[in-house]
Protein backbone atom coordinates (compact mmCIF):
# COMPACT_ATOMS: atom_id res chain seq x y z
CA GLN A 1 -0.03 -0.12 0.28
CA ALA A 2 2.76 2.40 0.75
CA ARG A 3 4.42 1.87 -2.37
CA PHE A 4 1.38 2.60 -4.48
CA ARG A 5 0.68 5.53 -2.48
CA GLY A 6 4.14 6.91 -3.12
CA HIS A 7 3.70 5.83 -6.80
CA LYS A 8 0.49 7.90 -6.97
CA GLU A 9 2.13 11.02 -5.25
CA ARG A 10 5.06 10.76 -7.58
CA LYS A 11 2.73 10.88 -10.65
CA SER A 12 0.86 13.89 -9.30
CA PHE A 13 3.76 15.80 -8.53
CA GLN A 14 5.01 15.02 -11.88
CA ARG A 15 1.72 16.11 -13.73
CA LYS A 16 1.82 19.41 -11.49
CA ARG A 17 5.37 20.09 -12.60
CA GLU A 18 4.62 19.67 -16.01
CA ALA A 19 1.66 21.68 -16.03
CA LYS A 20 3.61 24.43 -14.16
CA GLU A 21 6.60 24.16 -16.90
CA LYS A 22 3.55 24.65 -19.80
CA GLU A 23 2.16 27.48 -18.06
CA LYS A 24 5.47 29.17 -17.64
CA ALA A 25 6.35 28.58 -21.13
CA GLU A 26 2.71 30.16 -22.12
CA GLN A 27 3.67 33.21 -19.78
CA MET A 28 6.97 33.53 -21.53
CA LEU A 29 5.59 33.69 -24.82
CA LYS A 30 3.07 36.17 -23.54
CA GLU A 31 5.73 38.37 -22.14
CA ASP A 32 7.56 38.26 -25.52
CA GLU A 33 4.68 39.70 -27.29
CA LYS A 34 4.22 42.34 -24.55
CA PRO A 35 6.12 45.51 -25.09
CA THR A 36 9.03 45.66 -22.66
CA GLU A 37 8.15 47.04 -19.62
CA SER A 38 11.25 47.96 -17.14
CA LYS A 39 11.08 46.85 -13.36
CA SER A 40 12.70 48.80 -10.84
CA ALA A 41 15.23 47.17 -8.49
CA THR A 42 13.35 47.58 -5.65
CA ASP A 43 9.96 45.70 -7.24
CA ASP A 44 12.59 42.68 -7.67
CA GLU A 45 13.62 42.66 -4.21
CA ASN A 46 9.99 42.89 -2.94
CA ASP A 47 9.35 40.07 -5.25
CA LYS A 48 11.99 37.98 -3.87
CA GLU A 49 11.04 39.01 -0.29
CA ASP A 50 7.49 38.00 -0.70
CA GLU A 51 8.35 34.80 -2.87
CA ALA A 52 10.67 33.91 0.41
CA LYS A 53 7.81 34.47 2.91
CA ALA A 54 5.37 32.46 0.85
CA ALA A 55 7.90 29.47 0.91
CA VAL A 56 8.31 29.65 4.57
CA VAL A 57 4.48 29.50 4.97
CA LEU A 58 4.11 26.52 2.50
CA GLN A 59 7.01 24.93 4.08
CA SER A 60 5.39 25.31 7.77
CA ASN A 61 1.87 24.12 6.60
CA PHE A 62 3.39 20.75 4.97
CA ARG A 63 5.64 20.25 8.23
CA GLY A 64 2.20 20.64 10.11
CA TYR A 65 0.25 17.97 7.62
CA LYS A 66 2.98 15.55 7.96
CA GLU A 67 2.68 15.92 11.97
CA ARG A 68 -1.08 15.60 11.85
CA LYS A 69 -0.68 13.00 9.26
CA LYS A 70 1.69 10.75 12.01
CA PHE A 71 -0.79 11.40 14.85
CA LYS A 72 -3.66 9.95 12.86
CA GLU A 73 -1.82 6.77 11.99
């Protein structure tokens, strides 16, 4: 059972990754069509900070999920 669940999760992650890559490719094509917009350095820094905060939140949520799952079993 554990092997099957692992197999199922890996397939699900692969599908999600492929969808994300496809979405990125489409987004890049759209950006190429748009006239170039210049971003300031502060916007880039803010984006990186926001991305880091979001990553921390996602990671903590996943850790909590894993702990709750352990208690269920």
